[in-house]
Amino acid sequence: MTRSAQQVRPRYGRLVALTGSVAVTALAALGGAGLLPGGSTPASAAGSPGALTPASVVLREQIPQSEVGDRSSASTSAAADETLPARSGKGRRAVFSESRQRVWLVNAAGRVVRTYPVSGSLYDNLDPGTYEVYSRSEQAWGVDDSGTMRYFVRFAHGDNAAIGFHDIPIDDGHPVQGVAELGTPRSHGCIRQRPADAKAMWRFAPLGTTVVVTR
């Protein structure tokens, strides 16, 4: 090997290293600008556990802080909806909130043993107050051909018919509303429940059970 050849080899190595450095720097800049697909992350960034590429930083900064607050508020609101209404009586009772469209079953010790969303009346035909279960029917028929219903627990007398708890009525073989609609007013007077909740109310509320209706 001649002396001139020995001098060429180290210069060529430095040129390759410089070219590689420029290429990596260019890839990093393009990635940071969002001009490269996700699979084009430079090897140096991909090989560092937990390291954030410039593109990852941009994506995280684009999430509005308000969205985090909204989700937190929604969770807090949902929890508040399940809280037993204040001044809803004492002892063993069923509590129905018209404004929150929710029922609570409370045992003799004052502990809530079950709570769930319901669909009450679209009309203002049930006054807040304390009632008592006076009639029960495992199978019932609505007025004016409004369908059939099960586990009917009556506690109030409406203008045209009794008012009570029962499952979602069936009319012409179809439920008159969806389970997802519970939590909003949908009925003409009674309080509609999911089948499982209607059965729970049926077991919980024999004749004479106290029912408290709140706003």
C-alpha atoms as a PDB file:
ATOM      1  CA  MET A   1       0.000   0.000   0.000  1.00  0.00           C
ATOM      2  CA  THR A   2       1.382   3.454  -0.955  1.00  0.00           C
ATOM      3  CA  ARG A   3       1.452   6.503   1.332  1.00  0.00           C
ATOM      4  CA  SER A   4      -1.109   8.338  -0.833  1.00  0.00           C
ATOM      5  CA  ALA A   5      -3.573   5.489  -0.423  1.00  0.00           C
ATOM      6  CA  GLN A   6      -3.159   5.582   3.377  1.00  0.00           C
ATOM      7  CA  GLN A   7      -4.003   9.298   3.368  1.00  0.00           C
ATOM      8  CA  VAL A   8      -7.218   8.807   1.318  1.00  0.00           C
ATOM      9  CA  ARG A   9      -8.830   6.226   3.645  1.00  0.00           C
ATOM     10  CA  PRO A  10      -9.179   8.410   6.789  1.00  0.00           C
ATOM     11  CA  ARG A  11     -10.523  11.331   4.733  1.00  0.00           C
ATOM     12  CA  TYR A  12     -13.177   9.010   3.196  1.00  0.00           C
ATOM     13  CA  GLY A  13     -14.204   7.808   6.676  1.00  0.00           C
ATOM     14  CA  ARG A  14     -14.702  11.372   7.906  1.00  0.00           C
ATOM     15  CA  LEU A  15     -16.801  12.139   4.815  1.00  0.00           C
ATOM     16  CA  VAL A  16     -19.077   9.148   5.479  1.00  0.00           C
ATOM     17  CA  ALA A  17     -19.505  10.158   9.137  1.00  0.00           C
ATOM     18  CA  LEU A  18     -20.330  13.755   8.160  1.00  0.00           C
ATOM     19  CA  THR A  19     -22.863  12.600   5.559  1.00  0.00           C
ATOM     20  CA  GLY A  20     -24.547  10.289   8.104  1.00  0.00           C
ATOM     21  CA  SER A  21     -24.733  13.075  10.683  1.00  0.00           C
ATOM     22  CA  VAL A  22     -26.336  15.447   8.170  1.00  0.00           C
ATOM     23  CA  ALA A  23     -28.868  12.750   7.179  1.00  0.00           C
ATOM     24  CA  VAL A  24     -29.909  12.054  10.792  1.00  0.00           C
ATOM     25  CA  THR A  25     -30.244  15.780  11.488  1.00  0.00           C
ATOM     26  CA  ALA A  26     -32.406  16.207   8.369  1.00  0.00           C
ATOM     27  CA  LEU A  27     -34.676  13.274   9.356  1.00  0.00           C
ATOM     28  CA  ALA A  28     -35.122  14.711  12.843  1.00  0.00           C
ATOM     29  CA  ALA A  29     -36.056  18.119  11.418  1.00  0.00           C
ATOM     30  CA  LEU A  30     -38.567  16.612   8.973  1.00  0.00           C
ATOM     31  CA  GLY A  31     -40.059  14.444  11.733  1.00  0.00           C
ATOM     32  CA  GLY A  32     -40.445  17.442  13.992  1.00  0.00           C
ATOM     33  CA  ALA A  33     -42.271  19.290  11.211  1.00  0.00           C
ATOM     34  CA  GLY A  34     -44.653  16.338  10.788  1.00  0.00           C
ATOM     35  CA  LEU A  35     -43.429  15.618   7.215  1.00  0.00           C
ATOM     36  CA  LEU A  36     -42.439  12.011   7.865  1.00  0.00           C
ATOM     37  CA  PRO A  37     -44.752   9.032   8.539  1.00  0.00           C
ATOM     38  CA  GLY A  38     -44.683   7.429  11.992  1.00  0.00           C
ATOM     39  CA  GLY A  39     -42.347   4.672  10.790  1.00  0.00           C
ATOM     40  CA  SER A  40     -39.617   7.168   9.811  1.00  0.00           C
ATOM     41  CA  THR A  41     -38.482   8.010  13.335  1.00  0.00           C
ATOM     42  CA  PRO A  42     -34.682   8.309  13.477  1.00  0.00           C
ATOM     43  CA  ALA A  43     -32.987   5.281  14.986  1.00  0.00           C
ATOM     44  CA  SER A  44     -31.449   7.335  17.786  1.00  0.00           C
ATOM     45  CA  ALA A  45     -34.935   8.449  19.036  1.00  0.00           C
ATOM     46  CA  ALA A  46     -36.611   5.075  18.539  1.00  0.00           C
ATOM     47  CA  GLY A  47     -33.881   3.308  20.458  1.00  0.00           C
ATOM     48  CA  SER A  48     -34.287   5.441  23.602  1.00  0.00           C
ATOM     49  CA  PRO A  49     -36.933   3.964  25.921  1.00  0.00           C
ATOM     50  CA  GLY A  50     -39.479   6.594  26.960  1.00  0.00           C
ATOM     51  CA  ALA A  51     -37.935   9.233  24.691  1.00  0.00           C
ATOM     52  CA  LEU A  52     -40.350  11.653  22.982  1.00  0.00           C
ATOM     53  CA  THR A  53     -39.782  12.457  19.323  1.00  0.00           C
ATOM     54  CA  PRO A  54     -40.595  16.038  18.252  1.00  0.00           C
ATOM     55  CA  ALA A  55     -43.769  14.714  16.568  1.00  0.00           C
ATOM     56  CA  SER A  56     -44.915  13.117  19.842  1.00  0.00           C
ATOM     57  CA  VAL A  57     -44.439  16.390  21.670  1.00  0.00           C
ATOM     58  CA  VAL A  58     -46.583  18.218  19.102  1.00  0.00           C
ATOM     59  CA  LEU A  59     -49.397  15.671  19.410  1.00  0.00           C
ATOM     60  CA  ARG A  60     -49.451  15.939  23.201  1.00  0.00           C
ATOM     61  CA  GLU A  61     -49.473  19.721  23.143  1.00  0.00           C
ATOM     62  CA  GLN A  62     -52.458  19.716  20.764  1.00  0.00           C
ATOM     63  CA  ILE A  63     -54.766  18.102  23.396  1.00  0.00           C
ATOM     64  CA  PRO A  64     -56.728  21.013  24.919  1.00  0.00           C
ATOM     65  CA  GLN A  65     -56.429  21.200  28.676  1.00  0.00           C
ATOM     66  CA  SER A  66     -60.161  21.962  28.809  1.00  0.00           C
ATOM     67  CA  GLU A  67     -60.930  18.434  27.589  1.00  0.00           C
ATOM     68  CA  VAL A  68     -59.241  16.971  30.643  1.00  0.00           C
ATOM     69  CA  GLY A  69     -61.290  19.254  32.857  1.00  0.00           C
ATOM     70  CA  ASP A  70     -64.522  18.324  31.038  1.00  0.00           C
ATOM     71  CA  ARG A  71     -63.930  14.612  31.599  1.00  0.00           C
ATOM     72  CA  SER A  72     -63.218  15.239  35.279  1.00  0.00           C
ATOM     73  CA  SER A  73     -66.361  17.344  35.652  1.00  0.00           C
ATOM     74  CA  ALA A  74     -68.444  14.675  33.917  1.00  0.00           C
ATOM     75  CA  SER A  75     -67.200  12.041  36.352  1.00  0.00           C
ATOM     76  CA  THR A  76     -67.962  14.284  39.322  1.00  0.00           C
ATOM     77  CA  SER A  77     -71.427  15.046  37.941  1.00  0.00           C
ATOM     78  CA  ALA A  78     -72.174  11.346  37.412  1.00  0.00           C
ATOM     79  CA  ALA A  79     -71.172  10.593  40.990  1.00  0.00           C
ATOM     80  CA  ALA A  80     -73.345  13.443  42.295  1.00  0.00           C
ATOM     81  CA  ASP A  81     -76.373  12.061  40.418  1.00  0.00           C
ATOM     82  CA  GLU A  82     -76.204   8.902  42.526  1.00  0.00           C
ATOM     83  CA  THR A  83     -76.247  10.753  45.833  1.00  0.00           C
ATOM     84  CA  LEU A  84     -79.453  10.240  47.800  1.00  0.00           C
ATOM     85  CA  PRO A  85     -81.479  13.492  47.761  1.00  0.00           C
ATOM     86  CA  ALA A  86     -81.422  15.492  50.971  1.00  0.00           C
ATOM     87  CA  ARG A  87     -84.589  15.563  53.072  1.00  0.00           C
ATOM     88  CA  SER A  88     -85.925  12.417  51.408  1.00  0.00           C
ATOM     89  CA  GLY A  89     -87.345  10.864  54.565  1.00  0.00           C
ATOM     90  CA  LYS A  90     -86.046   8.298  57.013  1.00  0.00           C
ATOM     91  CA  GLY A  91     -86.111   4.538  57.402  1.00  0.00           C
ATOM     92  CA  ARG A  92     -86.884   1.932  54.763  1.00  0.00           C
ATOM     93  CA  ARG A  93     -88.226   3.587  51.621  1.00  0.00           C
ATOM     94  CA  ALA A  94     -88.067   4.029  47.863  1.00  0.00           C
ATOM     95  CA  VAL A  95     -87.078   7.518  46.716  1.00  0.00           C
ATOM     96  CA  PHE A  96     -87.848   8.947  43.271  1.00  0.00           C
ATOM     97  CA  SER A  97     -86.352  12.253  42.080  1.00  0.00           C
ATOM     98  CA  GLU A  98     -88.333  13.887  39.277  1.00  0.00           C
ATOM     99  CA  SER A  99     -85.570  16.305  38.294  1.00  0.00           C
ATOM    100  CA  ARG A 100     -82.853  13.642  38.264  1.00  0.00           C
ATOM    101  CA  GLN A 101     -85.040  10.808  36.928  1.00  0.00           C
ATOM    102  CA  ARG A 102     -83.475   8.344  39.354  1.00  0.00           C
ATOM    103  CA  VAL A 103     -84.679   5.919  42.043  1.00  0.00           C
ATOM    104  CA  TRP A 104     -83.001   4.882  45.311  1.00  0.00           C
ATOM    105  CA  LEU A 105     -83.939   1.857  47.408  1.00  0.00           C
ATOM    106  CA  VAL A 106     -83.031   2.578  51.025  1.00  0.00           C
ATOM    107  CA  ASN A 107     -82.976  -0.026  53.799  1.00  0.00           C
ATOM    108  CA  ALA A 108     -84.114   0.424  57.421  1.00  0.00           C
ATOM    109  CA  ALA A 109     -80.625   1.558  58.452  1.00  0.00           C
ATOM    110  CA  GLY A 110     -80.760   4.379  55.914  1.00  0.00           C
ATOM    111  CA  ARG A 111     -78.252   2.785  53.534  1.00  0.00           C
ATOM    112  CA  VAL A 112     -78.829   2.866  49.784  1.00  0.00           C
ATOM    113  CA  VAL A 113     -78.965  -0.735  48.562  1.00  0.00           C
ATOM    114  CA  ARG A 114     -79.735   0.067  44.922  1.00  0.00           C
ATOM    115  CA  THR A 115     -79.976   3.155  42.689  1.00  0.00           C
ATOM    116  CA  TYR A 116     -80.711   3.396  38.971  1.00  0.00           C
ATOM    117  CA  PRO A 117     -82.006   5.748  36.242  1.00  0.00           C
ATOM    118  CA  VAL A 118     -85.683   5.669  35.290  1.00  0.00           C
ATOM    119  CA  SER A 119     -88.113   7.384  32.948  1.00  0.00           C
ATOM    120  CA  GLY A 120     -90.874   9.284  34.695  1.00  0.00           C
ATOM    121  CA  SER A 121     -93.720  11.345  33.312  1.00  0.00           C
ATOM    122  CA  LEU A 122     -93.538  13.911  30.552  1.00  0.00           C
ATOM    123  CA  TYR A 123     -96.279  15.810  32.364  1.00  0.00           C
ATOM    124  CA  ASP A 124     -96.499  17.449  35.796  1.00  0.00           C
ATOM    125  CA  ASN A 125     -98.957  14.930  37.236  1.00  0.00           C
ATOM    126  CA  LEU A 126     -97.103  13.716  40.336  1.00  0.00           C
ATOM    127  CA  ASP A 127     -96.654  16.000  43.329  1.00  0.00           C
ATOM    128  CA  PRO A 128     -93.603  15.714  45.602  1.00  0.00           C
ATOM    129  CA  GLY A 129     -94.437  14.118  48.914  1.00  0.00           C
ATOM    130  CA  THR A 130     -94.617  10.873  50.870  1.00  0.00           C
ATOM    131  CA  TYR A 131     -96.767   8.008  49.587  1.00  0.00           C
ATOM    132  CA  GLU A 132     -97.398   4.362  50.392  1.00  0.00           C
ATOM    133  CA  VAL A 133     -97.601   1.305  48.131  1.00  0.00           C
ATOM    134  CA  TYR A 134    -101.292   0.335  48.021  1.00  0.00           C
ATOM    135  CA  SER A 135    -101.512  -2.103  45.087  1.00  0.00           C
ATOM    136  CA  ARG A 136     -99.291  -4.485  43.109  1.00  0.00           C
ATOM    137  CA  SER A 137     -99.717  -6.433  39.866  1.00  0.00           C
ATOM    138  CA  GLU A 138     -97.133  -8.762  38.390  1.00  0.00           C
ATOM    139  CA  GLN A 139     -98.782  -8.279  34.990  1.00  0.00           C
ATOM    140  CA  ALA A 140    -100.780  -5.191  33.984  1.00  0.00           C
ATOM    141  CA  TRP A 141    -102.286  -3.457  30.954  1.00  0.00           C
ATOM    142  CA  GLY A 142    -101.968   0.240  30.238  1.00  0.00           C
ATOM    143  CA  VAL A 143    -104.912   2.537  29.597  1.00  0.00           C
ATOM    144  CA  ASP A 144    -105.882   3.431  26.031  1.00  0.00           C
ATOM    145  CA  ASP A 145    -104.002   0.423  24.644  1.00  0.00           C
ATOM    146  CA  SER A 146    -100.634   1.793  25.799  1.00  0.00           C
ATOM    147  CA  GLY A 147     -99.111  -1.671  26.082  1.00  0.00           C
ATOM    148  CA  THR A 148     -98.490  -4.285  28.724  1.00  0.00           C
ATOM    149  CA  MET A 149     -96.150  -4.009  31.690  1.00  0.00           C
ATOM    150  CA  ARG A 150     -94.778  -6.191  34.477  1.00  0.00           C
ATOM    151  CA  TYR A 151     -94.024  -5.769  38.183  1.00  0.00           C
ATOM    152  CA  PHE A 152     -96.390  -2.821  38.643  1.00  0.00           C
ATOM    153  CA  VAL A 153     -95.997  -1.267  42.131  1.00  0.00           C
ATOM    154  CA  ARG A 154     -98.661   1.451  42.606  1.00  0.00           C
ATOM    155  CA  PHE A 155     -98.280   4.238  45.148  1.00  0.00           C
ATOM    156  CA  ALA A 156    -100.284   7.242  43.836  1.00  0.00           C
ATOM    157  CA  HIS A 157    -103.632   7.981  42.181  1.00  0.00           C
ATOM    158  CA  GLY A 158    -103.373   9.966  38.963  1.00  0.00           C
ATOM    159  CA  ASP A 159    -106.172  11.854  37.208  1.00  0.00           C
ATOM    160  CA  ASN A 160    -106.910   8.982  34.835  1.00  0.00           C
ATOM    161  CA  ALA A 161    -104.978   5.997  36.175  1.00  0.00           C
ATOM    162  CA  ALA A 162    -102.770   4.767  38.984  1.00  0.00           C
ATOM    163  CA  ILE A 163     -99.145   5.888  39.123  1.00  0.00           C
ATOM    164  CA  GLY A 164     -96.360   3.516  40.097  1.00  0.00           C
ATOM    165  CA  PHE A 165     -93.172   1.715  39.148  1.00  0.00           C
ATOM    166  CA  HIS A 166     -93.032  -0.946  36.428  1.00  0.00           C
ATOM    167  CA  ASP A 167     -90.791  -2.195  33.641  1.00  0.00           C
ATOM    168  CA  ILE A 168     -90.677  -0.625  30.158  1.00  0.00           C
ATOM    169  CA  PRO A 169     -94.074  -1.385  28.526  1.00  0.00           C
ATOM    170  CA  ILE A 170     -94.346  -3.607  25.474  1.00  0.00           C
ATOM    171  CA  ASP A 171     -96.664  -2.471  22.682  1.00  0.00           C
ATOM    172  CA  ASP A 172     -97.246  -4.619  19.562  1.00  0.00           C
ATOM    173  CA  GLY A 173     -94.300  -6.774  20.591  1.00  0.00           C
ATOM    174  CA  HIS A 174     -91.816  -3.900  20.935  1.00  0.00           C
ATOM    175  CA  PRO A 175     -90.594  -1.857  23.928  1.00  0.00           C
ATOM    176  CA  VAL A 176     -92.061   1.649  23.870  1.00  0.00           C
ATOM    177  CA  GLN A 177     -88.606   3.086  24.620  1.00  0.00           C
ATOM    178  CA  GLY A 178     -84.986   2.016  24.767  1.00  0.00           C
ATOM    179  CA  VAL A 179     -83.017   1.281  27.910  1.00  0.00           C
ATOM    180  CA  ALA A 180     -80.534   3.969  26.849  1.00  0.00           C
ATOM    181  CA  GLU A 181     -83.330   6.553  27.179  1.00  0.00           C
ATOM    182  CA  LEU A 182     -83.767   5.879  30.892  1.00  0.00           C
ATOM    183  CA  GLY A 183     -82.746   8.932  32.872  1.00  0.00           C
ATOM    184  CA  THR A 184     -85.067  11.182  30.840  1.00  0.00           C
ATOM    185  CA  PRO A 185     -88.880  11.646  31.085  1.00  0.00           C
ATOM    186  CA  ARG A 186     -90.735   9.385  28.640  1.00  0.00           C
ATOM    187  CA  SER A 187     -93.967   8.153  30.241  1.00  0.00           C
ATOM    188  CA  HIS A 188     -97.494   9.485  30.618  1.00  0.00           C
ATOM    189  CA  GLY A 189     -97.429   9.186  34.398  1.00  0.00           C
ATOM    190  CA  CYS A 190     -95.649   6.099  35.734  1.00  0.00           C
ATOM    191  CA  ILE A 191     -91.978   5.423  36.384  1.00  0.00           C
ATOM    192  CA  ARG A 192     -90.421   3.030  33.874  1.00  0.00           C
ATOM    193  CA  GLN A 193     -87.501   0.796  34.854  1.00  0.00           C
ATOM    194  CA  ARG A 194     -85.187  -1.765  33.304  1.00  0.00           C
ATOM    195  CA  PRO A 195     -86.529  -5.313  33.773  1.00  0.00           C
ATOM    196  CA  ALA A 196     -83.855  -6.155  36.372  1.00  0.00           C
ATOM    197  CA  ASP A 197     -84.596  -2.948  38.312  1.00  0.00           C
ATOM    198  CA  ALA A 198     -88.362  -3.535  38.082  1.00  0.00           C
ATOM    199  CA  LYS A 199     -87.856  -6.976  39.634  1.00  0.00           C
ATOM    200  CA  ALA A 200     -85.701  -5.450  42.372  1.00  0.00           C
ATOM    201  CA  MET A 201     -88.416  -2.897  43.156  1.00  0.00           C
ATOM    202  CA  TRP A 202     -91.032  -5.669  43.171  1.00  0.00           C
ATOM    203  CA  ARG A 203     -89.036  -7.602  45.774  1.00  0.00           C
ATOM    204  CA  PHE A 204     -88.237  -4.476  47.799  1.00  0.00           C
ATOM    205  CA  ALA A 205     -91.685  -2.858  47.961  1.00  0.00           C
ATOM    206  CA  PRO A 206     -94.544  -4.941  49.387  1.00  0.00           C
ATOM    207  CA  LEU A 207     -97.827  -3.287  50.318  1.00  0.00           C
ATOM    208  CA  GLY A 208     -97.323  -0.460  52.793  1.00  0.00           C
ATOM    209  CA  THR A 209     -93.771   0.443  51.652  1.00  0.00           C
ATOM    210  CA  THR A 210     -93.009   4.168  51.908  1.00  0.00           C
ATOM    211  CA  VAL A 211     -92.331   5.997  48.624  1.00  0.00           C
ATOM    212  CA  VAL A 212     -90.879   9.513  48.710  1.00  0.00           C
ATOM    213  CA  VAL A 213     -91.114  11.732  45.620  1.00  0.00           C
ATOM    214  CA  THR A 214     -88.757  14.725  45.440  1.00  0.00           C
ATOM    215  CA  ARG A 215     -88.182  17.418  42.896  1.00  0.00           C
END
